[in-house]
N, C-alpha and C. Protein backbone atom coordinates (compact mmCIF):
# COMPACT_ATOMS: atom_id res chain seq x y z
N UNK A 1 -54.39 -112.34 112.79
CA UNK A 1 -56.15 -112.57 113.14
C UNK A 1 -56.63 -111.99 112.36
N UNK A 2 -57.51 -111.85 111.30
CA UNK A 2 -58.84 -111.14 110.61
C UNK A 2 -59.79 -110.87 111.36
N UNK A 3 -60.54 -109.69 111.31
CA UNK A 3 -61.52 -109.98 112.31
C UNK A 3 -62.64 -109.10 111.17
N UNK A 4 -63.76 -109.66 110.83
CA UNK A 4 -64.63 -109.03 110.02
C UNK A 4 -66.05 -108.90 110.91
N UNK A 5 -66.67 -107.97 110.77
CA UNK A 5 -67.84 -107.35 111.20
C UNK A 5 -69.04 -107.39 110.04
N UNK A 6 -69.91 -108.75 110.50
CA UNK A 6 -71.37 -108.90 109.29
C UNK A 6 -72.55 -108.09 110.13
N UNK A 7 -73.68 -107.70 109.04
CA UNK A 7 -74.73 -107.58 109.76
C UNK A 7 -76.01 -108.42 108.48
N UNK A 8 -77.19 -108.58 108.92
CA UNK A 8 -78.10 -109.22 107.68
C UNK A 8 -79.22 -109.35 108.80
N UNK A 9 -80.22 -109.78 108.03
CA UNK A 9 -81.52 -110.22 108.49
C UNK A 9 -81.25 -111.73 108.31
N UNK A 10 -81.40 -112.31 109.58
CA UNK A 10 -80.72 -113.88 109.92
C UNK A 10 -82.81 -114.53 110.17
N UNK A 11 -82.36 -115.42 109.21
CA UNK A 11 -83.80 -116.68 108.63
C UNK A 11 -83.25 -117.83 109.16
N UNK A 12 -84.03 -118.61 109.92
CA UNK A 12 -84.08 -120.31 110.22
C UNK A 12 -84.20 -121.37 109.06
N UNK A 13 -83.84 -121.74 108.55
CA UNK A 13 -84.52 -123.21 108.19
C UNK A 13 -86.49 -123.09 108.16
N UNK A 14 -86.71 -123.35 109.37
CA UNK A 14 -88.14 -123.35 109.65
C UNK A 14 -88.58 -122.30 108.87
N UNK A 15 -88.03 -120.48 108.85
CA UNK A 15 -88.90 -119.69 108.00
C UNK A 15 -88.70 -119.88 106.82
N UNK A 16 -87.62 -120.03 105.95
CA UNK A 16 -87.81 -120.67 104.70
C UNK A 16 -88.56 -121.98 103.95
N UNK A 17 -88.71 -122.90 104.93
CA UNK A 17 -89.58 -123.73 104.61
C UNK A 17 -90.97 -123.03 104.72
N UNK A 18 -91.48 -122.46 105.45
CA UNK A 18 -92.67 -122.11 105.40
C UNK A 18 -93.42 -121.28 105.01
N UNK A 19 -92.37 -120.88 103.87
CA UNK A 19 -92.59 -119.80 102.79
C UNK A 19 -93.40 -120.45 101.66
N UNK A 20 -93.48 -121.85 101.69
CA UNK A 20 -93.92 -122.45 101.02
C UNK A 20 -95.49 -122.56 101.12
N UNK A 21 -96.61 -122.29 100.29
CA UNK A 21 -97.81 -122.22 100.69
C UNK A 21 -98.52 -123.14 99.54
N UNK A 22 -99.88 -123.59 99.92
CA UNK A 22 -100.66 -124.05 98.98
C UNK A 22 -100.70 -123.22 97.48
N UNK A 23 -100.62 -121.44 97.69
CA UNK A 23 -100.82 -120.89 95.98
C UNK A 23 -99.54 -120.68 95.41
N UNK A 24 -98.31 -121.45 95.92
CA UNK A 24 -97.10 -121.22 95.58
C UNK A 24 -95.95 -122.43 95.26
N UNK A 25 -96.54 -123.50 96.24
CA UNK A 25 -95.99 -124.85 95.49
C UNK A 25 -95.37 -124.90 94.44
N UNK A 26 -96.28 -125.04 93.49
CA UNK A 26 -95.95 -125.22 92.13
C UNK A 26 -94.74 -124.53 91.81
N UNK A 27 -94.69 -122.95 91.86
CA UNK A 27 -93.46 -122.14 91.82
C UNK A 27 -92.55 -122.48 92.06
N UNK A 28 -92.34 -123.13 93.34
CA UNK A 28 -91.14 -123.86 94.40
C UNK A 28 -90.63 -124.98 92.81
N UNK A 29 -91.56 -125.63 93.42
CA UNK A 29 -91.23 -127.22 92.47
C UNK A 29 -90.85 -127.08 90.93
N UNK A 30 -91.42 -126.25 90.21
CA UNK A 30 -91.19 -125.19 88.68
C UNK A 30 -89.53 -124.83 88.74
N UNK A 31 -89.07 -123.93 90.18
CA UNK A 31 -88.25 -123.76 89.73
C UNK A 31 -86.79 -124.38 90.09
N UNK A 32 -87.04 -125.40 90.86
CA UNK A 32 -86.21 -126.51 91.37
C UNK A 32 -85.99 -127.43 90.20
N UNK A 33 -87.10 -127.51 89.69
CA UNK A 33 -86.90 -128.32 87.92
C UNK A 33 -85.78 -127.53 86.89
N UNK A 34 -86.46 -126.36 86.77
CA UNK A 34 -85.91 -125.58 86.05
C UNK A 34 -84.17 -125.89 86.20
N UNK A 35 -83.65 -125.55 87.35
CA UNK A 35 -82.50 -125.66 88.03
C UNK A 35 -81.57 -126.85 87.74
N UNK A 36 -82.80 -127.67 87.99
CA UNK A 36 -82.01 -129.42 88.01
C UNK A 36 -81.83 -129.71 86.59
N UNK A 37 -82.55 -128.94 85.56
CA UNK A 37 -82.56 -129.15 83.80
C UNK A 37 -81.05 -128.75 83.72
N UNK A 38 -80.74 -127.53 84.39
CA UNK A 38 -79.43 -126.69 83.88
C UNK A 38 -78.27 -127.68 84.79
N UNK A 39 -78.41 -128.20 85.95
CA UNK A 39 -77.50 -128.91 86.45
C UNK A 39 -77.43 -129.96 85.64
N UNK A 40 -78.45 -130.75 85.02
CA UNK A 40 -78.41 -132.14 84.33
C UNK A 40 -77.40 -131.44 83.25
N UNK A 41 -77.51 -130.62 82.52
CA UNK A 41 -76.92 -130.04 80.97
C UNK A 41 -75.57 -130.11 81.55
N UNK A 42 -75.08 -128.88 82.53
CA UNK A 42 -73.91 -128.62 82.83
C UNK A 42 -72.83 -130.50 83.33
N UNK A 43 -73.76 -130.95 84.04
CA UNK A 43 -72.93 -132.29 84.31
C UNK A 43 -72.77 -133.54 83.52
N UNK A 44 -73.27 -133.20 82.28
CA UNK A 44 -73.30 -134.15 80.96
C UNK A 44 -72.47 -133.39 80.33
N UNK A 45 -72.04 -132.05 80.19
CA UNK A 45 -70.71 -131.39 79.35
C UNK A 45 -69.63 -131.11 80.42
N UNK A 46 -69.72 -131.11 81.64
CA UNK A 46 -68.14 -131.55 82.26
C UNK A 46 -68.11 -130.42 82.79
N UNK A 47 -69.07 -129.14 82.34
CA UNK A 47 -68.40 -128.06 83.17
C UNK A 47 -69.49 -126.78 82.71
N UNK A 48 -69.26 -125.78 83.63
CA UNK A 48 -70.23 -124.46 83.78
C UNK A 48 -70.40 -123.67 82.98
N UNK A 49 -71.09 -122.90 82.14
CA UNK A 49 -70.66 -122.26 80.66
C UNK A 49 -69.78 -120.86 81.38
N UNK A 50 -69.20 -120.24 81.09
CA UNK A 50 -68.24 -118.96 81.19
C UNK A 50 -69.24 -117.65 81.53
N UNK A 51 -70.18 -118.18 81.35
CA UNK A 51 -71.07 -116.22 81.98
C UNK A 51 -72.15 -116.82 82.70
N UNK A 52 -71.77 -117.43 83.58
CA UNK A 52 -72.55 -118.71 84.32
C UNK A 52 -72.85 -117.79 85.87
N UNK A 53 -74.13 -117.14 86.60
CA UNK A 53 -74.19 -117.00 87.66
C UNK A 53 -73.60 -117.42 88.63
N UNK A 54 -73.35 -118.97 88.33
CA UNK A 54 -73.28 -119.94 89.08
C UNK A 54 -72.04 -120.22 89.16
N UNK A 55 -71.21 -120.31 90.48
CA UNK A 55 -69.34 -120.10 90.01
C UNK A 55 -69.53 -121.51 91.15
N UNK A 56 -68.32 -122.31 90.71
CA UNK A 56 -68.05 -123.32 91.12
C UNK A 56 -67.30 -124.58 90.50
N UNK A 57 -67.26 -125.65 90.87
CA UNK A 57 -66.70 -126.66 89.70
C UNK A 57 -68.15 -127.94 89.93
N UNK A 58 -67.90 -128.91 88.85
CA UNK A 58 -69.10 -129.55 88.67
C UNK A 58 -69.23 -130.65 89.26
N UNK A 59 -68.53 -130.61 90.32
CA UNK A 59 -68.75 -131.45 91.14
C UNK A 59 -69.20 -131.01 92.70
N UNK A 60 -69.32 -129.60 92.81
CA UNK A 60 -70.40 -129.03 93.66
C UNK A 60 -71.64 -128.95 92.92
N UNK A 61 -71.53 -129.45 91.41
CA UNK A 61 -72.87 -129.20 91.06
C UNK A 61 -73.69 -130.35 91.62
N UNK A 62 -72.91 -131.37 90.77
CA UNK A 62 -73.60 -132.57 91.49
C UNK A 62 -73.98 -132.80 92.68
N UNK A 63 -73.44 -132.58 94.00
CA UNK A 63 -73.76 -132.23 94.98
C UNK A 63 -74.75 -131.62 95.42
N UNK A 64 -75.16 -130.39 94.70
CA UNK A 64 -76.54 -129.60 95.07
C UNK A 64 -78.01 -130.48 94.34
N UNK A 65 -77.53 -130.99 92.74
CA UNK A 65 -78.46 -131.20 91.95
C UNK A 65 -79.03 -132.94 92.83
N UNK A 66 -77.70 -133.26 93.34
CA UNK A 66 -78.24 -134.63 94.80
C UNK A 66 -79.21 -134.35 95.69
N UNK A 67 -79.27 -133.10 96.22
CA UNK A 67 -79.73 -132.08 97.24
C UNK A 67 -81.38 -132.07 96.66
N UNK A 68 -81.22 -131.22 95.78
CA UNK A 68 -82.61 -130.57 95.18
C UNK A 68 -83.94 -132.37 94.86
N UNK A 69 -82.88 -133.84 93.91
CA UNK A 69 -83.50 -134.77 93.68
C UNK A 69 -84.85 -135.07 93.76
N UNK A 70 -85.15 -135.51 95.34
CA UNK A 70 -86.03 -135.42 95.90
C UNK A 70 -87.36 -134.75 95.64
N UNK A 71 -86.83 -133.49 95.24
CA UNK A 71 -87.90 -132.07 94.95
C UNK A 71 -88.30 -132.29 93.23
N UNK A 72 -87.39 -132.70 92.60
CA UNK A 72 -87.47 -132.81 91.07
C UNK A 72 -88.02 -134.03 90.20
N UNK A 73 -87.59 -134.98 91.32
CA UNK A 73 -87.90 -136.43 90.57
C UNK A 73 -89.43 -136.72 90.67
N UNK A 74 -90.59 -135.99 91.24
CA UNK A 74 -91.50 -136.18 91.52
C UNK A 74 -92.34 -135.37 90.07
N UNK A 75 -93.51 -136.53 89.31
CA UNK A 75 -93.89 -136.04 88.21
C UNK A 75 -94.88 -134.85 88.35
N UNK A 76 -95.08 -133.62 89.20
CA UNK A 76 -96.11 -132.90 89.48
C UNK A 76 -95.90 -132.30 91.05
N UNK A 77 -95.97 -131.16 90.72
CA UNK A 77 -95.56 -130.58 92.38
C UNK A 77 -96.06 -131.35 93.53
N UNK A 78 -95.30 -131.43 94.36
CA UNK A 78 -95.95 -131.98 95.63
C UNK A 78 -97.15 -130.83 96.35
N UNK A 79 -98.08 -131.33 97.06
CA UNK A 79 -98.65 -130.34 98.16
C UNK A 79 -97.96 -129.70 98.99
N UNK A 80 -98.12 -128.50 99.85
CA UNK A 80 -97.14 -128.07 100.43
C UNK A 80 -97.39 -128.36 101.14
N UNK A 81 -97.32 -129.14 102.16
CA UNK A 81 -97.05 -129.76 103.21
C UNK A 81 -95.54 -130.38 102.86
N UNK A 82 -95.91 -131.71 101.96
CA UNK A 82 -94.97 -132.33 101.80
C UNK A 82 -93.54 -131.52 100.73
N UNK A 83 -93.78 -130.57 100.19
CA UNK A 83 -92.92 -129.53 99.61
C UNK A 83 -91.92 -129.08 101.21
N UNK A 84 -92.84 -128.60 102.23
CA UNK A 84 -92.13 -128.04 103.06
C UNK A 84 -91.17 -129.92 103.68
N UNK A 85 -91.66 -130.72 104.14
CA UNK A 85 -91.19 -131.58 104.46
C UNK A 85 -89.75 -131.61 103.76
N UNK A 86 -89.72 -131.77 102.37
CA UNK A 86 -88.81 -131.92 101.31
C UNK A 86 -87.37 -131.01 101.56
N UNK A 87 -87.92 -129.42 101.70
CA UNK A 87 -87.15 -128.56 101.59
C UNK A 87 -86.28 -128.71 103.35
N UNK A 88 -87.16 -128.90 104.15
CA UNK A 88 -86.31 -129.40 105.32
C UNK A 88 -85.58 -130.68 105.26
N UNK A 89 -85.79 -131.70 104.66
CA UNK A 89 -84.77 -132.55 104.42
C UNK A 89 -83.48 -132.34 103.91
N UNK A 90 -84.08 -131.38 102.59
CA UNK A 90 -82.45 -131.00 101.70
C UNK A 90 -81.93 -129.88 102.88
N UNK A 91 -82.24 -129.11 103.70
CA UNK A 91 -81.25 -128.64 104.75
C UNK A 91 -81.03 -129.13 106.04
N UNK A 92 -81.26 -130.55 106.33
CA UNK A 92 -81.16 -130.96 107.80
C UNK A 92 -79.69 -131.60 107.43
N UNK A 93 -78.46 -130.57 106.96
CA UNK A 93 -77.78 -131.16 106.99
C UNK A 93 -76.76 -130.41 107.96
N UNK A 94 -75.33 -131.29 108.36
CA UNK A 94 -74.37 -130.55 109.03
C UNK A 94 -73.21 -129.96 108.48
N UNK A 95 -72.25 -129.32 109.38
CA UNK A 95 -71.67 -128.35 108.39
C UNK A 95 -70.49 -129.38 107.60
N UNK A 96 -70.37 -130.38 108.14
CA UNK A 96 -69.73 -131.73 107.53
C UNK A 96 -70.39 -132.05 106.21
N UNK A 97 -71.51 -132.35 106.01
CA UNK A 97 -72.24 -132.85 104.84
C UNK A 97 -72.82 -132.13 104.07
N UNK A 98 -72.07 -130.62 104.61
CA UNK A 98 -73.16 -129.72 103.61
C UNK A 98 -71.74 -129.62 101.98
N UNK A 99 -71.05 -130.55 102.31
CA UNK A 99 -69.89 -130.37 101.06
C UNK A 99 -69.18 -128.97 101.46
N UNK A 100 -68.29 -128.75 102.06
CA UNK A 100 -67.59 -128.06 101.92
C UNK A 100 -66.75 -127.64 100.42
N UNK A 101 -67.18 -126.04 100.34
CA UNK A 101 -66.76 -125.46 99.51
C UNK A 101 -68.35 -124.93 98.35
N UNK A 102 -69.26 -125.40 98.74
CA UNK A 102 -70.49 -126.02 98.27
C UNK A 102 -71.43 -124.47 98.27
N UNK A 103 -70.92 -123.78 99.49
CA UNK A 103 -71.60 -122.54 100.04
C UNK A 103 -72.00 -121.77 98.90
N UNK A 104 -71.46 -121.22 98.26
CA UNK A 104 -71.76 -119.86 97.30
C UNK A 104 -72.59 -120.73 96.29
N UNK A 105 -72.35 -122.10 96.03
CA UNK A 105 -73.16 -122.73 94.70
C UNK A 105 -74.98 -123.08 95.68
N UNK A 106 -75.40 -123.18 96.99
CA UNK A 106 -76.04 -123.60 97.83
C UNK A 106 -77.16 -121.97 97.63
N UNK A 107 -75.82 -121.13 98.03
CA UNK A 107 -77.00 -119.77 98.68
C UNK A 107 -77.50 -119.54 96.98
N UNK A 108 -76.64 -119.79 95.44
CA UNK A 108 -76.98 -119.27 94.34
C UNK A 108 -78.52 -120.10 93.73
N UNK A 109 -78.50 -121.37 94.50
CA UNK A 109 -79.47 -122.14 93.95
C UNK A 109 -81.00 -121.77 94.88
N UNK A 110 -80.48 -121.05 95.93
CA UNK A 110 -81.60 -120.67 96.81
C UNK A 110 -82.14 -119.04 96.13
N UNK A 111 -81.40 -118.17 95.93
CA UNK A 111 -81.57 -116.90 95.55
C UNK A 111 -82.37 -117.53 93.91
N UNK A 112 -81.80 -118.19 93.17
CA UNK A 112 -82.67 -118.64 91.59
C UNK A 112 -84.15 -118.87 92.01
N UNK A 113 -84.57 -119.90 93.49
CA UNK A 113 -85.62 -119.77 93.64
C UNK A 113 -86.44 -118.94 94.30
N UNK A 114 -85.82 -118.24 94.80
CA UNK A 114 -86.46 -116.93 95.60
C UNK A 114 -86.97 -115.81 94.42
N UNK A 115 -86.20 -115.81 93.71
CA UNK A 115 -86.17 -114.60 92.60
C UNK A 115 -87.93 -115.56 91.46
N UNK A 116 -87.82 -116.66 91.39
CA UNK A 116 -89.23 -117.07 90.76
C UNK A 116 -90.40 -116.97 91.91
N UNK A 117 -90.11 -116.79 93.49
CA UNK A 117 -91.22 -117.11 94.20
C UNK A 117 -91.19 -116.24 95.25
N UNK A 118 -90.26 -115.24 94.97
CA UNK A 118 -90.37 -114.05 95.90
C UNK A 118 -89.61 -112.97 95.31
N UNK A 119 -90.01 -112.44 94.09
CA UNK A 119 -89.14 -111.44 93.83
C UNK A 119 -88.63 -109.95 94.42
N UNK A 120 -90.21 -109.76 95.11
CA UNK A 120 -89.91 -108.72 95.76
C UNK A 120 -88.92 -109.17 97.61
N UNK A 121 -88.43 -109.96 97.54
CA UNK A 121 -87.34 -110.23 98.54
C UNK A 121 -86.13 -109.27 98.44
N UNK A 122 -85.51 -108.91 99.56
CA UNK A 122 -84.46 -108.30 99.63
C UNK A 122 -82.87 -109.39 98.95
N UNK A 123 -81.92 -109.02 98.80
CA UNK A 123 -81.12 -110.42 98.68
C UNK A 123 -80.73 -111.05 99.24
N UNK A 124 -80.77 -112.14 98.93
CA UNK A 124 -80.00 -113.75 100.02
C UNK A 124 -78.75 -113.17 100.00
N UNK A 125 -77.98 -113.17 100.49
CA UNK A 125 -76.61 -112.74 100.60
C UNK A 125 -75.64 -114.09 100.58
N UNK A 126 -76.52 -114.55 101.84
CA UNK A 126 -75.66 -115.77 101.98
C UNK A 126 -76.29 -117.17 102.78
N UNK A 127 -75.91 -118.39 102.73
CA UNK A 127 -76.14 -119.26 103.70
C UNK A 127 -74.96 -119.11 104.71
N UNK A 128 -75.39 -119.71 105.48
CA UNK A 128 -74.42 -119.74 106.92
C UNK A 128 -74.51 -120.78 107.67
N UNK A 129 -73.43 -121.48 108.41
CA UNK A 129 -73.94 -122.43 109.68
C UNK A 129 -72.28 -121.91 110.71
N UNK A 130 -73.24 -121.60 111.61
CA UNK A 130 -72.22 -120.75 112.97
C UNK A 130 -72.20 -122.19 113.73
N UNK A 131 -71.03 -122.13 114.51
CA UNK A 131 -70.78 -123.15 115.30
C UNK A 131 -70.19 -122.95 116.64
N UNK A 132 -69.59 -121.42 116.87
CA UNK A 132 -69.34 -120.84 117.99
C UNK A 132 -69.47 -119.51 118.07
N UNK A 133 -70.47 -119.24 119.14
CA UNK A 133 -70.80 -118.11 120.07
C UNK A 133 -69.75 -117.09 120.00
N UNK A 134 -68.64 -117.39 120.68
CA UNK A 134 -67.50 -116.50 120.54
C UNK A 134 -66.79 -115.73 119.40
N UNK A 135 -66.78 -116.87 118.76
CA UNK A 135 -66.52 -116.36 117.21
C UNK A 135 -67.19 -115.50 115.94
N UNK A 136 -68.58 -116.10 116.43
CA UNK A 136 -69.72 -115.40 115.29
C UNK A 136 -70.67 -114.44 116.14
N UNK A 137 -70.41 -114.63 117.60
CA UNK A 137 -71.82 -113.49 118.58
C UNK A 137 -72.38 -114.49 119.03
N UNK A 138 -73.89 -113.64 119.71
CA UNK A 138 -74.70 -114.40 120.68
C UNK A 138 -76.19 -114.49 119.99
N UNK A 139 -75.68 -113.70 118.77
CA UNK A 139 -77.19 -113.20 118.26
C UNK A 139 -77.88 -114.46 117.04
N UNK A 140 -76.90 -115.05 117.05
CA UNK A 140 -77.03 -115.89 115.17
C UNK A 140 -77.08 -117.32 116.15
N UNK A 141 -78.02 -117.97 115.52
CA UNK A 141 -78.32 -119.57 115.57
C UNK A 141 -77.25 -119.93 115.32
N UNK A 142 -76.55 -121.21 116.11
CA UNK A 142 -75.76 -122.06 116.38
C UNK A 142 -76.12 -123.38 115.63
N UNK A 143 -75.08 -124.06 115.09
CA UNK A 143 -75.13 -125.82 114.64
C UNK A 143 -76.71 -125.60 113.88
N UNK A 144 -76.61 -124.98 112.77
CA UNK A 144 -77.80 -124.94 111.59
C UNK A 144 -77.83 -123.92 110.57
N UNK A 145 -78.00 -123.89 109.44
CA UNK A 145 -77.87 -123.23 108.25
C UNK A 145 -79.23 -122.03 108.39
N UNK A 146 -78.41 -121.01 108.27
CA UNK A 146 -79.47 -119.58 108.59
C UNK A 146 -79.30 -118.83 107.05
N UNK A 147 -80.15 -118.41 106.49
CA UNK A 147 -80.25 -117.60 105.64
C UNK A 147 -80.13 -116.14 105.92
N UNK A 148 -78.92 -115.61 105.21
CA UNK A 148 -79.19 -114.71 105.80
C UNK A 148 -79.25 -113.18 104.26
N UNK A 149 -79.91 -112.51 104.68
CA UNK A 149 -80.65 -111.43 103.78
C UNK A 149 -80.04 -109.84 103.83
N UNK A 150 -79.80 -109.02 102.66
CA UNK A 150 -79.09 -108.14 103.18
C UNK A 150 -80.49 -107.07 103.61
N UNK A 151 -79.53 -106.55 104.77
CA UNK A 151 -80.21 -105.65 105.81
C UNK A 151 -80.49 -104.36 105.22
N UNK A 152 -79.27 -103.73 104.53
CA UNK A 152 -79.36 -102.46 103.85
C UNK A 152 -80.68 -101.97 103.25
N UNK A 153 -81.41 -103.96 101.95
CA UNK A 153 -82.60 -103.45 101.68
C UNK A 153 -83.72 -103.18 102.53
N UNK A 154 -83.58 -103.63 103.59
CA UNK A 154 -84.76 -104.06 104.10
C UNK A 154 -85.19 -102.81 105.61
N UNK A 155 -84.23 -101.64 105.19
CA UNK A 155 -84.44 -100.60 105.55
C UNK A 155 -84.01 -99.05 105.27
N UNK A 156 -85.21 -97.95 105.59
CA UNK A 156 -84.45 -96.70 105.35
C UNK A 156 -83.96 -96.08 106.45
N UNK A 157 -82.75 -95.67 106.57
CA UNK A 157 -82.39 -94.83 107.12
C UNK A 157 -82.88 -93.31 106.64
N UNK A 158 -83.22 -91.91 107.16
CA UNK A 158 -83.30 -90.85 106.74
C UNK A 158 -81.79 -89.78 107.79
N UNK A 159 -81.76 -88.95 107.61
CA UNK A 159 -81.06 -88.05 109.00
C UNK A 159 -82.14 -87.67 109.32
N UNK A 160 -82.14 -87.13 110.89
CA UNK A 160 -82.70 -86.45 111.95
C UNK A 160 -82.22 -84.72 111.43
N UNK A 161 -83.18 -83.96 112.26
CA UNK A 161 -82.55 -82.71 111.83
C UNK A 161 -80.94 -82.14 112.05
N UNK A 162 -80.60 -82.79 113.42
CA UNK A 162 -79.62 -82.18 113.18
C UNK A 162 -78.39 -82.99 112.85
N UNK A 163 -78.83 -84.43 112.10
CA UNK A 163 -77.77 -85.14 110.74
C UNK A 163 -77.66 -84.19 109.54
N UNK A 164 -79.18 -83.64 109.28
CA UNK A 164 -79.20 -82.33 108.37
C UNK A 164 -78.39 -81.48 108.42
N UNK A 165 -77.69 -81.23 109.58
CA UNK A 165 -77.34 -79.99 109.97
C UNK A 165 -75.93 -79.98 110.16
N UNK A 166 -75.62 -81.60 110.19
CA UNK A 166 -74.41 -82.00 110.07
C UNK A 166 -73.70 -82.08 108.61
N UNK A 167 -74.63 -82.42 108.03
CA UNK A 167 -74.35 -82.38 106.62
C UNK A 167 -74.29 -81.24 105.55
N UNK A 168 -75.08 -80.06 106.17
CA UNK A 168 -74.94 -78.94 105.28
C UNK A 168 -73.54 -78.98 105.95
N UNK A 169 -73.59 -78.52 107.17
CA UNK A 169 -72.20 -77.64 108.05
C UNK A 169 -70.70 -78.22 106.77
N UNK A 170 -70.73 -79.98 106.44
CA UNK A 170 -69.49 -80.51 106.08
C UNK A 170 -70.25 -80.21 104.38
N UNK A 171 -70.81 -79.77 103.81
CA UNK A 171 -71.10 -79.99 102.65
C UNK A 171 -71.05 -81.21 101.78
N UNK A 172 -71.71 -82.41 102.70
CA UNK A 172 -71.72 -83.08 102.02
C UNK A 172 -73.07 -83.97 101.04
N UNK A 173 -72.96 -84.34 100.61
CA UNK A 173 -74.09 -84.94 99.34
C UNK A 173 -75.14 -85.99 99.96
N UNK A 174 -74.25 -86.57 100.97
CA UNK A 174 -74.96 -87.85 101.94
C UNK A 174 -74.49 -87.38 102.93
N UNK A 175 -74.95 -88.63 103.53
CA UNK A 175 -74.63 -88.61 105.51
C UNK A 175 -74.07 -90.14 105.88
N UNK A 176 -72.53 -90.54 105.93
CA UNK A 176 -73.30 -92.14 105.75
C UNK A 176 -72.31 -92.41 107.08
N UNK A 177 -73.12 -93.45 107.39
CA UNK A 177 -72.72 -94.33 108.77
C UNK A 177 -71.59 -94.90 108.94
N UNK A 178 -70.60 -94.95 109.73
CA UNK A 178 -69.46 -95.99 109.54
C UNK A 178 -69.23 -96.88 110.37
N UNK A 179 -69.51 -98.49 110.28
CA UNK A 179 -68.87 -99.81 111.29
C UNK A 179 -68.29 -100.20 111.15
N UNK A 180 -67.53 -100.56 112.04
CA UNK A 180 -65.80 -100.91 111.87
C UNK A 180 -65.83 -101.99 113.48
N UNK A 181 -65.03 -102.92 113.12
CA UNK A 181 -65.12 -103.51 114.69
C UNK A 181 -63.23 -103.49 114.62
N UNK A 182 -63.32 -103.42 116.32
CA UNK A 182 -61.72 -103.02 116.56
C UNK A 182 -61.21 -104.16 117.13
N UNK A 183 -59.78 -104.78 117.15
CA UNK A 183 -59.63 -105.78 117.92
C UNK A 183 -57.70 -105.54 118.53
N UNK A 184 -58.04 -105.74 119.80
CA UNK A 184 -56.74 -105.30 120.41
C UNK A 184 -56.41 -106.42 120.71
N UNK A 185 -54.85 -106.72 121.48
CA UNK A 185 -54.21 -108.22 121.74
C UNK A 185 -53.63 -108.07 123.18
């Protein structure tokens, strides 16, 4: 059995959807449209470019393309409220519906959009779907997609006076905290 410990800043779908405002709706829409055009090119060619930041298969591209289609099929950017509705529908999936294997492609799609709309955000590490508290912990929302952002970009940790003394005594350049998970049988 492998056990891994992770941490991050977890945002729910509603948090993400509520990022859309009257001021940035057009930017969200334009970003999804640009991405959709790329996806269409890849689908026609039957492959992803070798230097592409997206990883996966054309089948995955088709699935993600179909998810964003209601957003990009409009002739102009929708009003903010309707854009939020479309995004919520796009994210209203179950684990089974999410097309197993598309997780990285789906995450990269959101990274793309966030770079255009909220470039000062920390990195979106992944989009995850947690099903069981015994396996993933009690602090994460269950049975819904969540967006996990890099926590190390959100906090600044500086040594205390005692930490500085320890670092100096060991002649270390930096004082690093270590995290681990132990499993016993």
